C-alpha atoms as a PDB file:
ATOM      1  CA  GLY A   1     -23.434  17.683  -3.426  1.00  0.00           C
ATOM      2  CA  ALA A   2     -26.478  19.966  -3.539  1.00  0.00           C
ATOM      3  CA  ALA A   3     -24.344  23.074  -4.133  1.00  0.00           C
ATOM      4  CA  LEU A   4     -22.478  21.321  -6.940  1.00  0.00           C
ATOM      5  CA  ALA A   5     -25.621  19.951  -8.577  1.00  0.00           C
ATOM      6  CA  GLU A   6     -27.304  23.337  -8.905  1.00  0.00           C
ATOM      7  CA  GLY A   7     -24.416  25.786  -8.748  1.00  0.00           C
ATOM      8  CA  VAL A   8     -21.852  23.982 -10.914  1.00  0.00           C
ATOM      9  CA  TYR A   9     -23.699  21.389 -13.003  1.00  0.00           C
ATOM     10  CA  ASN A  10     -26.864  23.528 -13.267  1.00  0.00           C
ATOM     11  CA  ASP A  11     -28.961  20.370 -13.202  1.00  0.00           C
ATOM     12  CA  PRO A  12     -30.059  18.557 -10.010  1.00  0.00           C
ATOM     13  CA  GLY A  13     -30.172  15.311 -11.980  1.00  0.00           C
ATOM     14  CA  ALA A  14     -26.609  15.575 -13.265  1.00  0.00           C
ATOM     15  CA  ARG A  15     -24.861  15.228  -9.905  1.00  0.00           C
ATOM     16  CA  VAL A  16     -26.106  12.540  -7.533  1.00  0.00           C
ATOM     17  CA  TYR A  17     -25.601  13.012  -3.782  1.00  0.00           C
ATOM     18  CA  GLY A  18     -26.778  11.071  -0.771  1.00  0.00           C
ATOM     19  CA  ASP A  19     -27.270  13.741   1.887  1.00  0.00           C
ATOM     20  CA  LEU A  20     -27.315  17.447   2.652  1.00  0.00           C
ATOM     21  CA  ASP A  21     -24.245  18.814   4.415  1.00  0.00           C
ATOM     22  CA  ILE A  22     -24.572  21.981   6.505  1.00  0.00           C
ATOM     23  CA  LEU A  23     -21.442  23.647   7.912  1.00  0.00           C
ATOM     24  CA  LEU A  24     -21.868  25.322  11.319  1.00  0.00           C
ATOM     25  CA  LYS A  25     -19.718  26.682  14.082  1.00  0.00           C
ATOM     26  CA  LYS A  26     -19.248  24.054  16.769  1.00  0.00           C
ATOM     27  CA  GLU A  27     -21.096  26.165  19.324  1.00  0.00           C
ATOM     28  CA  ASP A  28     -24.159  26.219  17.003  1.00  0.00           C
ATOM     29  CA  LEU A  29     -24.388  22.454  16.524  1.00  0.00           C
ATOM     30  CA  GLU A  30     -26.856  21.807  19.340  1.00  0.00           C
ATOM     31  CA  ARG A  31     -29.131  24.593  18.129  1.00  0.00           C
ATOM     32  CA  GLY A  32     -28.990  23.132  14.628  1.00  0.00           C
ATOM     33  CA  ARG A  33     -29.801  19.665  15.930  1.00  0.00           C
ATOM     34  CA  GLU A  34     -32.785  21.019  17.863  1.00  0.00           C
ATOM     35  CA  LEU A  35     -34.103  22.823  14.788  1.00  0.00           C
ATOM     36  CA  LEU A  36     -33.855  19.649  12.713  1.00  0.00           C
ATOM     37  CA  SER A  37     -35.631  17.693  15.471  1.00  0.00           C
ATOM     38  CA  ARG A  38     -38.557  20.131  15.257  1.00  0.00           C
ATOM     39  CA  LEU A  39     -38.679  19.459  11.512  1.00  0.00           C
ATOM     40  CA  ASN A  40     -39.112  15.710  12.168  1.00  0.00           C
ATOM     41  CA  TYR A  41     -35.472  14.690  11.696  1.00  0.00           C
ATOM     42  CA  THR A  42     -33.983  12.117  14.029  1.00  0.00           C
ATOM     43  CA  SER A  43     -30.864   9.960  14.267  1.00  0.00           C
ATOM     44  CA  ASN A  44     -31.047   6.181  14.089  1.00  0.00           C
ATOM     45  CA  GLN A  45     -27.667   5.838  15.844  1.00  0.00           C
ATOM     46  CA  THR A  46     -27.241   4.634  19.417  1.00  0.00           C
ATOM     47  CA  ALA A  47     -26.340   7.137  22.118  1.00  0.00           C
ATOM     48  CA  GLY A  48     -22.795   5.746  22.152  1.00  0.00           C
ATOM     49  CA  ALA A  49     -22.460   6.158  18.402  1.00  0.00           C
ATOM     50  CA  GLN A  50     -23.760   9.718  18.577  1.00  0.00           C
ATOM     51  CA  ASP A  51     -21.176  10.526  21.248  1.00  0.00           C
ATOM     52  CA  HIS A  52     -18.516   8.972  19.019  1.00  0.00           C
ATOM     53  CA  TYR A  53     -19.461  11.294  16.153  1.00  0.00           C
ATOM     54  CA  ARG A  54     -19.171  14.305  18.447  1.00  0.00           C
ATOM     55  CA  THR A  55     -15.783  13.257  19.800  1.00  0.00           C
ATOM     56  CA  HIS A  56     -13.990  11.657  16.885  1.00  0.00           C
ATOM     57  CA  HIS A  57     -15.681  12.821  13.691  1.00  0.00           C
ATOM     58  CA  HIS A  58     -16.212  16.112  11.837  1.00  0.00           C
ATOM     59  CA  HIS A  59     -20.014  16.050  11.828  1.00  0.00           C
ATOM     60  CA  LEU A  60     -22.827  14.911  14.078  1.00  0.00           C
ATOM     61  CA  ALA A  61     -24.498  11.562  13.531  1.00  0.00           C
ATOM     62  CA  PRO A  62     -26.661  11.763  10.372  1.00  0.00           C
ATOM     63  CA  MET A  63     -30.263  12.844  10.946  1.00  0.00           C
ATOM     64  CA  ILE A  64     -33.016  11.350   8.804  1.00  0.00           C
ATOM     65  CA  HIS A  65     -36.415  12.853   8.018  1.00  0.00           C
ATOM     66  CA  GLN A  66     -39.070  10.435   9.229  1.00  0.00           C
ATOM     67  CA  GLU A  67     -41.318  10.875   6.185  1.00  0.00           C
ATOM     68  CA  THR A  68     -39.073  11.698   3.224  1.00  0.00           C
ATOM     69  CA  SER A  69     -35.887   9.840   4.356  1.00  0.00           C
ATOM     70  CA  VAL A  70     -33.777  12.891   3.456  1.00  0.00           C
ATOM     71  CA  VAL A  71     -30.457  12.706   5.316  1.00  0.00           C
ATOM     72  CA  VAL A  72     -28.812  15.820   6.807  1.00  0.00           C
ATOM     73  CA  GLU A  73     -25.358  16.018   8.351  1.00  0.00           C
ATOM     74  CA  LEU A  74     -24.426  18.968  10.560  1.00  0.00           C
ATOM     75  CA  HIS A  75     -20.694  19.617  10.132  1.00  0.00           C
ATOM     76  CA  TRP A  76     -18.309  21.714  12.195  1.00  0.00           C
ATOM     77  CA  ASN A  77     -15.412  20.726   9.927  1.00  0.00           C
ATOM     78  CA  VAL A  78     -14.911  19.227   6.472  1.00  0.00           C
ATOM     79  CA  ASN A  79     -12.132  16.774   7.274  1.00  0.00           C
ATOM     80  CA  ASN A  80     -10.744  14.959  10.305  1.00  0.00           C
ATOM     81  CA  ARG A  81      -7.172  15.972   9.516  1.00  0.00           C
ATOM     82  CA  ILE A  82      -7.504  19.783   9.434  1.00  0.00           C
ATOM     83  CA  ASN A  83      -9.402  22.364  11.456  1.00  0.00           C
ATOM     84  CA  VAL A  84     -10.766  24.878   8.991  1.00  0.00           C
ATOM     85  CA  ASP A  85     -11.333  28.504   9.913  1.00  0.00           C
ATOM     86  CA  ILE A  86     -15.131  28.552   9.752  1.00  0.00           C
ATOM     87  CA  ASP A  87     -15.293  32.337  10.137  1.00  0.00           C
ATOM     88  CA  ALA A  88     -12.966  32.863   7.165  1.00  0.00           C
ATOM     89  CA  TRP A  89     -14.881  30.356   5.042  1.00  0.00           C
ATOM     90  CA  ARG A  90     -18.162  32.056   5.887  1.00  0.00           C
ATOM     91  CA  ASN A  91     -16.735  35.489   5.077  1.00  0.00           C
ATOM     92  CA  ARG A  92     -15.696  34.187   1.662  1.00  0.00           C
ATOM     93  CA  SER A  93     -18.968  32.322   1.067  1.00  0.00           C
ATOM     94  CA  VAL A  94     -21.475  33.476  -1.548  1.00  0.00           C
ATOM     95  CA  LEU A  95     -25.254  33.458  -1.822  1.00  0.00           C
ATOM     96  CA  ALA A  96     -26.830  30.917  -4.150  1.00  0.00           C
ATOM     97  CA  ASP A  97     -30.264  29.488  -4.953  1.00  0.00           C
ATOM     98  CA  ILE A  98     -30.540  25.812  -4.049  1.00  0.00           C
ATOM     99  CA  ALA A  99     -33.928  24.141  -4.608  1.00  0.00           C
ATOM    100  CA  GLY A 100     -35.616  27.533  -4.486  1.00  0.00           C
ATOM    101  CA  CYS A 101     -33.929  28.564  -1.228  1.00  0.00           C
ATOM    102  CA  ARG A 102     -31.431  31.381  -0.796  1.00  0.00           C
ATOM    103  CA  VAL A 103     -28.442  29.863   1.013  1.00  0.00           C
ATOM    104  CA  ARG A 104     -24.736  30.401   1.496  1.00  0.00           C
ATOM    105  CA  VAL A 105     -22.260  28.110  -0.283  1.00  0.00           C
ATOM    106  CA  LEU A 106     -18.480  27.954  -0.213  1.00  0.00           C
ATOM    107  CA  GLY A 107     -16.527  30.444  -2.299  1.00  0.00           C
ATOM    108  CA  TRP A 108     -14.615  28.988  -5.250  1.00  0.00           C
ATOM    109  CA  THR A 109     -11.221  28.833  -3.540  1.00  0.00           C
ATOM    110  CA  ASP A 110     -12.481  27.104  -0.408  1.00  0.00           C
ATOM    111  CA  LEU A 111     -14.688  24.789  -2.462  1.00  0.00           C
ATOM    112  CA  ILE A 112     -11.765  23.643  -4.615  1.00  0.00           C
ATOM    113  CA  LEU A 113      -9.623  23.052  -1.525  1.00  0.00           C
ATOM    114  CA  HIS A 114     -12.434  21.029   0.002  1.00  0.00           C
ATOM    115  CA  LEU A 115     -12.965  18.974  -3.185  1.00  0.00           C
ATOM    116  CA  CYS A 116      -9.252  18.172  -3.441  1.00  0.00           C
ATOM    117  CA  LEU A 117      -9.186  16.970   0.174  1.00  0.00           C
ATOM    118  CA  HIS A 118     -12.456  15.091  -0.194  1.00  0.00           C
ATOM    119  CA  LEU A 119     -11.269  13.227  -3.303  1.00  0.00           C
ATOM    120  CA  PHE A 120      -9.506  10.537  -1.268  1.00  0.00           C
ATOM    121  CA  SER A 121     -10.466  11.662   2.217  1.00  0.00           C
ATOM    122  CA  GLY A 122     -11.217   8.229   3.617  1.00  0.00           C
ATOM    123  CA  GLY A 123     -13.365   5.192   3.210  1.00  0.00           C
ATOM    124  CA  GLU A 124     -13.074   3.648  -0.242  1.00  0.00           C
ATOM    125  CA  THR A 125     -12.694   5.207  -3.646  1.00  0.00           C
ATOM    126  CA  ARG A 126     -15.636   4.071  -5.761  1.00  0.00           C
ATOM    127  CA  ASN A 127     -16.515   7.672  -6.659  1.00  0.00           C
ATOM    128  CA  SER A 128     -13.022   9.014  -7.365  1.00  0.00           C
ATOM    129  CA  MET A 129     -13.677   9.734 -11.064  1.00  0.00           C
ATOM    130  CA  ARG A 130     -16.742  11.741 -10.087  1.00  0.00           C
ATOM    131  CA  GLY A 131     -14.642  13.619  -7.542  1.00  0.00           C
ATOM    132  CA  VAL A 132     -12.028  14.535 -10.151  1.00  0.00           C
ATOM    133  CA  TYR A 133     -14.746  15.717 -12.527  1.00  0.00           C
ATOM    134  CA  ASP A 134     -16.282  17.806  -9.721  1.00  0.00           C
ATOM    135  CA  ILE A 135     -12.957  19.643  -9.432  1.00  0.00           C
ATOM    136  CA  TYR A 136     -12.777  20.192 -13.181  1.00  0.00           C
ATOM    137  CA  ARG A 137     -16.332  21.475 -13.534  1.00  0.00           C
ATOM    138  CA  THR A 138     -15.941  23.763 -10.523  1.00  0.00           C
ATOM    139  CA  LEU A 139     -12.745  25.254 -11.932  1.00  0.00           C
ATOM    140  CA  GLN A 140     -14.544  25.859 -15.222  1.00  0.00           C
ATOM    141  CA  CYS A 141     -17.250  27.781 -13.381  1.00  0.00           C
ATOM    142  CA  ALA A 142     -14.765  29.710 -11.265  1.00  0.00           C
ATOM    143  CA  GLY A 143     -12.748  30.876 -14.268  1.00  0.00           C
ATOM    144  CA  ALA A 144     -10.549  33.900 -13.621  1.00  0.00           C
ATOM    145  CA  SER A 145     -12.184  34.502 -10.221  1.00  0.00           C
ATOM    146  CA  MET A 146     -10.294  31.523  -8.781  1.00  0.00           C
ATOM    147  CA  ASP A 147      -7.721  32.972  -6.371  1.00  0.00           C
ATOM    148  CA  TRP A 148      -4.728  30.666  -6.638  1.00  0.00           C
ATOM    149  CA  THR A 149      -2.609  32.815  -4.328  1.00  0.00           C
ATOM    150  CA  LEU A 150      -5.188  32.385  -1.566  1.00  0.00           C
ATOM    151  CA  PHE A 151      -5.517  28.687  -2.415  1.00  0.00           C
ATOM    152  CA  ASP A 152      -1.779  28.122  -1.970  1.00  0.00           C
ATOM    153  CA  ALA A 153      -1.736  30.120   1.254  1.00  0.00           C
ATOM    154  CA  GLU A 154      -4.601  28.052   2.665  1.00  0.00           C
ATOM    155  CA  ALA A 155      -3.007  24.781   1.534  1.00  0.00           C
ATOM    156  CA  GLN A 156       0.185  25.783   3.331  1.00  0.00           C
ATOM    157  CA  ARG A 157      -1.748  26.948   6.381  1.00  0.00           C
ATOM    158  CA  TYR A 158      -3.393  23.552   6.769  1.00  0.00           C
ATOM    159  CA  GLY A 159      -0.328  21.562   5.719  1.00  0.00           C
ATOM    160  CA  VAL A 160      -2.004  19.847   2.748  1.00  0.00           C
ATOM    161  CA  ARG A 161      -0.065  21.159  -0.270  1.00  0.00           C
ATOM    162  CA  ASP A 162       1.465  17.710  -0.922  1.00  0.00           C
ATOM    163  CA  GLU A 163      -2.031  16.255  -1.163  1.00  0.00           C
ATOM    164  CA  VAL A 164      -4.080  18.898  -2.997  1.00  0.00           C
ATOM    165  CA  TYR A 165      -1.639  19.704  -5.800  1.00  0.00           C
ATOM    166  CA  PRO A 166      -1.421  16.080  -7.011  1.00  0.00           C
ATOM    167  CA  ALA A 167      -5.249  16.081  -7.036  1.00  0.00           C
ATOM    168  CA  LEU A 168      -5.207  19.194  -9.238  1.00  0.00           C
ATOM    169  CA  GLN A 169      -2.546  17.724 -11.537  1.00  0.00           C
ATOM    170  CA  THR A 170      -4.589  14.528 -11.864  1.00  0.00           C
ATOM    171  CA  THR A 171      -7.623  16.628 -12.816  1.00  0.00           C
ATOM    172  CA  ARG A 172      -5.625  18.534 -15.420  1.00  0.00           C
ATOM    173  CA  ASN A 173      -4.128  15.368 -16.892  1.00  0.00           C
ATOM    174  CA  LEU A 174      -7.527  13.734 -17.292  1.00  0.00           C
ATOM    175  CA  PHE A 175      -9.766  16.627 -18.386  1.00  0.00           C
ATOM    176  CA  ASP A 176      -7.571  19.492 -19.563  1.00  0.00           C
ATOM    177  CA  PRO A 177      -4.182  18.163 -20.704  1.00  0.00           C
ATOM    178  CA  GLY A 178      -3.673  21.188 -22.930  1.00  0.00           C
ATOM    179  CA  GLY A 179      -4.374  23.564 -20.070  1.00  0.00           C
ATOM    180  CA  SER A 180      -6.663  25.744 -22.192  1.00  0.00           C
ATOM    181  CA  ARG A 181     -10.112  25.092 -20.732  1.00  0.00           C
ATOM    182  CA  VAL A 182      -9.407  26.066 -17.133  1.00  0.00           C
ATOM    183  CA  VAL A 183      -7.409  28.804 -15.403  1.00  0.00           C
ATOM    184  CA  TRP A 184      -4.651  26.821 -13.673  1.00  0.00           C
ATOM    185  CA  PRO A 185      -1.972  28.091 -11.284  1.00  0.00           C
ATOM    186  CA  ALA A 186       1.275  29.036 -12.983  1.00  0.00           C
ATOM    187  CA  PHE A 187       3.002  26.058 -11.376  1.00  0.00           C
ATOM    188  CA  LEU A 188       1.650  22.784  -9.991  1.00  0.00           C
ATOM    189  CA  PRO A 189       4.196  21.422  -7.467  1.00  0.00           C
ATOM    190  CA  ALA A 190       2.833  17.888  -7.625  1.00  0.00           C
ATOM    191  CA  ASP A 191       4.668  14.671  -6.796  1.00  0.00           C
ATOM    192  CA  ALA A 192       4.686  12.701 -10.074  1.00  0.00           C
ATOM    193  CA  SER A 193       4.532   9.304  -8.350  1.00  0.00           C
ATOM    194  CA  LEU A 194       1.509  10.361  -6.299  1.00  0.00           C
ATOM    195  CA  VAL A 195      -0.220  11.720  -9.427  1.00  0.00           C
ATOM    196  CA  ALA A 196       0.372   8.396 -11.176  1.00  0.00           C
ATOM    197  CA  GLN A 197      -1.033   6.547  -8.164  1.00  0.00           C
ATOM    198  CA  MET A 198      -4.117   8.789  -8.078  1.00  0.00           C
ATOM    199  CA  GLU A 199      -4.741   8.154 -11.767  1.00  0.00           C
ATOM    200  CA  SER A 200      -4.461   4.402 -11.246  1.00  0.00           C
ATOM    201  CA  ILE A 201      -7.016   4.633  -8.438  1.00  0.00           C
ATOM    202  CA  VAL A 202      -9.419   6.652 -10.588  1.00  0.00           C
ATOM    203  CA  PHE A 203      -9.312   4.019 -13.329  1.00  0.00           C
ATOM    204  CA  SER A 204      -9.409   1.035 -10.993  1.00  0.00           C
ATOM    205  CA  ILE A 205     -12.291  -1.341 -11.669  1.00  0.00           C
ATOM    206  CA  ASP A 206     -11.719  -3.607  -8.665  1.00  0.00           C
ATOM    207  CA  ASN A 207     -15.082  -3.126  -6.939  1.00  0.00           C
ATOM    208  CA  ARG A 208     -14.471  -6.048  -4.614  1.00  0.00           C
ATOM    209  CA  THR A 209     -11.572  -4.349  -2.823  1.00  0.00           C
ATOM    210  CA  PRO A 210     -11.582  -0.680  -3.888  1.00  0.00           C
ATOM    211  CA  TYR A 211      -8.575   1.343  -2.815  1.00  0.00           C
ATOM    212  CA  PRO A 212      -8.761   2.698   0.774  1.00  0.00           C
ATOM    213  CA  GLY A 213      -8.665   6.454   0.257  1.00  0.00           C
ATOM    214  CA  SER A 214      -7.002   7.187   3.586  1.00  0.00           C
ATOM    215  CA  LEU A 215      -3.747   5.750   2.227  1.00  0.00           C
ATOM    216  CA  VAL A 216      -3.479   8.674  -0.201  1.00  0.00           C
ATOM    217  CA  ALA A 217      -3.042  11.153   2.639  1.00  0.00           C
ATOM    218  CA  ILE A 218      -0.477   8.825   4.209  1.00  0.00           C
ATOM    219  CA  GLN A 219       1.496   8.657   0.978  1.00  0.00           C
ATOM    220  CA  ALA A 220       1.360  12.441   0.548  1.00  0.00           C
ATOM    221  CA  GLU A 221       2.927  12.901   3.991  1.00  0.00           C
ATOM    222  CA  LYS A 222       6.676  13.421   3.582  1.00  0.00           C
ATOM    223  CA  ARG A 223       7.736  12.446   7.104  1.00  0.00           C
ATOM    224  CA  LEU A 224       8.145   8.748   7.858  1.00  0.00           C
ATOM    225  CA  GLY A 225       6.902   9.197  11.424  1.00  0.00           C
ATOM    226  CA  LYS A 226       3.642  10.714  10.177  1.00  0.00           C
ATOM    227  CA  LYS A 227       3.198   7.857   7.704  1.00  0.00           C
ATOM    228  CA  ILE A 228       3.635   5.298  10.468  1.00  0.00           C
ATOM    229  CA  LEU A 229       1.241   7.183  12.753  1.00  0.00           C
ATOM    230  CA  GLY A 230      -1.367   7.320   9.973  1.00  0.00           C
ATOM    231  CA  LEU A 231      -1.145   3.572   9.403  1.00  0.00           C
ATOM    232  CA  TRP A 232      -1.241   2.896  13.155  1.00  0.00           C
ATOM    233  CA  LYS A 233      -4.480   4.873  13.549  1.00  0.00           C
ATOM    234  CA  ARG A 234      -6.062   2.970  10.660  1.00  0.00           C
ATOM    235  CA  PHE A 235      -5.014  -0.417  12.003  1.00  0.00           C
ATOM    236  CA  PHE A 236      -5.751   0.316  15.670  1.00  0.00           C
ATOM    237  CA  PRO A 237      -8.582   2.872  16.081  1.00  0.00           C
ATOM    238  CA  ASN A 238      -9.950   3.687  19.526  1.00  0.00           C
ATOM    239  CA  PRO A 239     -12.355   1.222  21.218  1.00  0.00           C
ATOM    240  CA  THR A 240     -15.443   3.278  20.286  1.00  0.00           C
ATOM    241  CA  GLN A 241     -14.507   3.140  16.607  1.00  0.00           C
ATOM    242  CA  MET A 242     -13.735  -0.571  16.864  1.00  0.00           C
ATOM    243  CA  ALA A 243     -17.134  -1.218  18.398  1.00  0.00           C
ATOM    244  CA  MET A 244     -18.801   0.647  15.509  1.00  0.00           C
ATOM    245  CA  HIS A 245     -16.679  -1.125  12.863  1.00  0.00           C
ATOM    246  CA  TYR A 246     -17.608  -4.572  14.122  1.00  0.00           C
ATOM    247  CA  ASP A 247     -21.085  -3.867  15.488  1.00  0.00           C
ATOM    248  CA  VAL A 248     -20.417  -4.896  19.075  1.00  0.00           C
ATOM    249  CA  ALA A 249     -21.075  -3.137  22.364  1.00  0.00           C
ATOM    250  CA  GLU A 250     -18.212  -0.885  23.405  1.00  0.00           C
ATOM    251  CA  SER A 251     -18.282  -2.470  26.861  1.00  0.00           C
ATOM    252  CA  SER A 252     -17.887  -5.986  25.424  1.00  0.00           C
ATOM    253  CA  TRP A 253     -14.592  -7.868  25.794  1.00  0.00           C
ATOM    254  CA  ARG A 254     -14.899  -8.760  22.111  1.00  0.00           C
ATOM    255  CA  VAL A 255     -13.869  -5.214  21.159  1.00  0.00           C
ATOM    256  CA  TYR A 256     -10.321  -6.001  22.302  1.00  0.00           C
ATOM    257  CA  LEU A 257     -10.341  -9.358  20.529  1.00  0.00           C
ATOM    258  CA  TYR A 258     -10.823  -7.464  17.271  1.00  0.00           C
ATOM    259  CA  TYR A 259      -7.517  -5.646  17.854  1.00  0.00           C
ATOM    260  CA  LEU A 260      -5.885  -8.991  17.079  1.00  0.00           C
ATOM    261  CA  PHE A 261      -8.163  -9.702  14.143  1.00  0.00           C
ATOM    262  CA  ARG A 262      -8.189  -6.289  12.441  1.00  0.00           C
ATOM    263  CA  PRO A 263      -4.533  -6.161  11.232  1.00  0.00           C
ATOM    264  CA  LEU A 264      -4.924  -9.580   9.631  1.00  0.00           C
ATOM    265  CA  GLN A 265      -8.192  -8.526   8.016  1.00  0.00           C
ATOM    266  CA  LEU A 266      -6.724  -5.325   6.586  1.00  0.00           C
ATOM    267  CA  PHE A 267      -3.574  -7.015   5.333  1.00  0.00           C
ATOM    268  CA  TRP A 268      -5.657  -9.731   3.696  1.00  0.00           C
ATOM    269  CA  ARG A 269      -7.862  -7.201   1.949  1.00  0.00           C
ATOM    270  CA  TYR A 270      -5.502  -4.295   1.247  1.00  0.00           C
ATOM    271  CA  GLY A 271      -1.993  -5.713   1.616  1.00  0.00           C
ATOM    272  CA  LYS A 272      -1.136  -5.379  -2.068  1.00  0.00           C
ATOM    273  CA  TYR A 273      -2.193  -1.711  -2.018  1.00  0.00           C
ATOM    274  CA  THR A 274      -0.210  -0.939   1.138  1.00  0.00           C
ATOM    275  CA  ARG A 275       2.990  -2.374  -0.299  1.00  0.00           C
ATOM    276  CA  GLN A 276       2.497  -0.589  -3.608  1.00  0.00           C
ATOM    277  CA  PHE A 277       1.662   2.734  -2.005  1.00  0.00           C
ATOM    278  CA  ILE A 278       4.045   2.960   0.945  1.00  0.00           C
ATOM    279  CA  VAL A 279       7.210   1.263  -0.309  1.00  0.00           C
ATOM    280  CA  PRO A 280       9.105   3.389  -2.887  1.00  0.00           C
ATOM    281  CA  LYS A 281       9.808   1.735  -6.229  1.00  0.00           C
END
């Protein structure tokens, strides 16, 4: 968010963001946490929740400044589904001025890959239009320096081509249908049905039950077994995640009661989306 606001939008007020994300090697996380603690940042999560973040997430539990309420997340990855090569991303990073500080930000190719994955990375999709516009504005800034050969190689390396190319095609359809404002790859191998679904999500106005973004990655997966596994993990997360979802102690017997309740809850809320998204027309 901060890198986009100042490095892409050139106006801190033009791109709202809720926290500061810092990408570190996993072995540097504890040092980073200690440095933030000295600067009066602390986590309001329980010890169990903090352990859950370390074990099952891609960043530590958020740390909040006790006076300004600024939130910082220390990441060792950008997504739960891939393990990025932090050394390679750092080697391709560039120096930029953010709020008067000289810092490193992602290079254009890695940033675009990250934005495509982040578009429907999980949770719900209230900000999907903003995410698509982030991709468009970033591509405008990158111009001819965008390395599409590297982008495709990285997408193949992490097994996400079927997800990121529909995100790019959706961006082109919405903001550059003529293909003249941005340097696009020569060919966008995007699944037309997934592009159509992404566009319907972007324009959805159902704020009561916004589309669960994790289903996009499930739909992009070509193998039926992977689709089923993705749905299984969403319906039946581990006990620590269940305890966090339903605000109960992990040691409580009620955690296991929610394994009976959760499928009914999700089907009640998202059943129409699941049928539309998983079952071919």
